[in-house]
Every structure is written in C-alpha cells, then in structure tokens.
Amino acid sequence: MIEVTLSDTDRVEYALKSFRRKVQKSGILKELRARRHYVKPSLARRLKAAAALRRKRRKARSWSA
C-alpha cells in the first residue's frame, strides 16, 4: 500500500505529485492494465518477445548514433 505523509506546511499539489511518482515506480497501473483482459500464455510469450525485440532495436539504434 502506498502512503504519502504530509506535514502542515506541505501543499496538496506536492502530495499528489509524490503519490503519482510512487504509483508509477511501483508498477501498479501497469499490472492493472495487464490484468484487465485475459491473455493466453502463447500470446503473452509472443508479446514479450516482441517487446524484447523493440528494446533491442532501440538500444542498437542509440549506440550507433
């Protein structure tokens, strides 16, 4: 469970920004989107392999530039 502690002088905008950063870092929303629909294991493997290929291509492109 994510908590953001505030003192009396902290602003609400700061607390909201801190909360969003913690949620992003924990990966809760990513997991929620992944669990929204059932993905067959074979399709999950294909998607995972495609993502790895994209990462590999992006890394190779950044090294050459």
C-alpha atoms as a PDB file:
ATOM      1  CA  MET A   1       0.000   0.000   0.000  1.00  0.00           C
ATOM      2  CA  ILE A   2       1.339   3.381  -0.995  1.00  0.00           C
ATOM      3  CA  GLU A   3       1.433   6.169   1.562  1.00  0.00           C
ATOM      4  CA  VAL A   4       2.342   9.814   1.261  1.00  0.00           C
ATOM      5  CA  THR A   5       2.933  11.579   4.549  1.00  0.00           C
ATOM      6  CA  LEU A   6       2.454  15.320   4.742  1.00  0.00           C
ATOM      7  CA  SER A   7       3.336  17.963   7.234  1.00  0.00           C
ATOM      8  CA  ASP A   8       1.162  21.005   7.884  1.00  0.00           C
ATOM      9  CA  THR A   9       3.193  23.154   5.501  1.00  0.00           C
ATOM     10  CA  ASP A  10       3.115  20.759   2.515  1.00  0.00           C
ATOM     11  CA  ARG A  11       0.905  21.606  -0.418  1.00  0.00           C
ATOM     12  CA  VAL A  12      -1.685  19.277  -1.951  1.00  0.00           C
ATOM     13  CA  GLU A  13      -0.067  19.543  -5.399  1.00  0.00           C
ATOM     14  CA  TYR A  14       3.205  18.255  -3.951  1.00  0.00           C
ATOM     15  CA  ALA A  15       1.430  15.351  -2.276  1.00  0.00           C
ATOM     16  CA  LEU A  16      -0.383  14.429  -5.482  1.00  0.00           C
ATOM     17  CA  LYS A  17       2.832  14.582  -7.499  1.00  0.00           C
ATOM     18  CA  SER A  18       4.596  12.421  -4.925  1.00  0.00           C
ATOM     19  CA  PHE A  19       1.743   9.909  -4.927  1.00  0.00           C
ATOM     20  CA  ARG A  20       1.739   9.647  -8.721  1.00  0.00           C
ATOM     21  CA  ARG A  21       5.503   9.117  -8.742  1.00  0.00           C
ATOM     22  CA  LYS A  22       5.239   6.316  -6.180  1.00  0.00           C
ATOM     23  CA  VAL A  23       2.397   4.624  -8.087  1.00  0.00           C
ATOM     24  CA  GLN A  24       4.384   4.836 -11.329  1.00  0.00           C
ATOM     25  CA  LYS A  25       7.501   3.412  -9.705  1.00  0.00           C
ATOM     26  CA  SER A  26       5.644   0.522  -8.069  1.00  0.00           C
ATOM     27  CA  GLY A  27       4.065  -0.577 -11.374  1.00  0.00           C
ATOM     28  CA  ILE A  28       0.518  -0.832 -10.027  1.00  0.00           C
ATOM     29  CA  LEU A  29      -1.122   0.749 -13.068  1.00  0.00           C
ATOM     30  CA  LYS A  30       0.932  -1.356 -15.475  1.00  0.00           C
ATOM     31  CA  GLU A  31      -0.201  -4.512 -13.703  1.00  0.00           C
ATOM     32  CA  LEU A  32      -3.803  -3.288 -13.641  1.00  0.00           C
ATOM     33  CA  ARG A  33      -3.790  -2.734 -17.399  1.00  0.00           C
ATOM     34  CA  ALA A  34      -2.209  -6.138 -17.966  1.00  0.00           C
ATOM     35  CA  ARG A  35      -4.865  -7.874 -15.855  1.00  0.00           C
ATOM     36  CA  ARG A  36      -7.785  -6.044 -17.413  1.00  0.00           C
ATOM     37  CA  HIS A  37      -8.206  -8.780 -20.027  1.00  0.00           C
ATOM     38  CA  TYR A  38      -7.083 -12.378 -20.047  1.00  0.00           C
ATOM     39  CA  VAL A  39      -4.116 -13.026 -22.319  1.00  0.00           C
ATOM     40  CA  LYS A  40      -3.424 -16.565 -23.429  1.00  0.00           C
ATOM     41  CA  PRO A  41       0.044 -17.819 -22.466  1.00  0.00           C
ATOM     42  CA  SER A  42       1.072 -18.251 -26.109  1.00  0.00           C
ATOM     43  CA  LEU A  43       0.075 -14.668 -26.891  1.00  0.00           C
ATOM     44  CA  ALA A  44       1.828 -13.425 -23.757  1.00  0.00           C
ATOM     45  CA  ARG A  45       5.066 -15.097 -24.912  1.00  0.00           C
ATOM     46  CA  ARG A  46       4.692 -13.507 -28.349  1.00  0.00           C
ATOM     47  CA  LEU A  47       4.087 -10.058 -26.866  1.00  0.00           C
ATOM     48  CA  LYS A  48       7.028 -10.441 -24.507  1.00  0.00           C
ATOM     49  CA  ALA A  49       9.329 -11.477 -27.365  1.00  0.00           C
ATOM     50  CA  ALA A  50       8.153  -8.554 -29.499  1.00  0.00           C
ATOM     51  CA  ALA A  51       8.805  -6.124 -26.650  1.00  0.00           C
ATOM     52  CA  ALA A  52      12.299  -7.547 -26.185  1.00  0.00           C
ATOM     53  CA  LEU A  53      12.965  -7.130 -29.908  1.00  0.00           C
ATOM     54  CA  ARG A  54      11.796  -3.497 -29.781  1.00  0.00           C
ATOM     55  CA  ARG A  55      14.068  -2.821 -26.809  1.00  0.00           C
ATOM     56  CA  LYS A  56      16.995  -4.467 -28.600  1.00  0.00           C
ATOM     57  CA  ARG A  57      16.437  -2.412 -31.772  1.00  0.00           C
ATOM     58  CA  ARG A  58      16.065   0.812 -29.793  1.00  0.00           C
ATOM     59  CA  LYS A  59      19.281   0.108 -27.885  1.00  0.00           C
ATOM     60  CA  ALA A  60      21.155  -0.722 -31.104  1.00  0.00           C
ATOM     61  CA  ARG A  61      19.904   2.482 -32.691  1.00  0.00           C
ATOM     62  CA  SER A  62      21.046   4.602 -29.753  1.00  0.00           C
ATOM     63  CA  TRP A  63      24.530   3.015 -29.765  1.00  0.00           C
ATOM     64  CA  SER A  64      25.098   3.739 -33.453  1.00  0.00           C
ATOM     65  CA  ALA A  65      24.052   7.398 -33.225  1.00  0.00           C
END
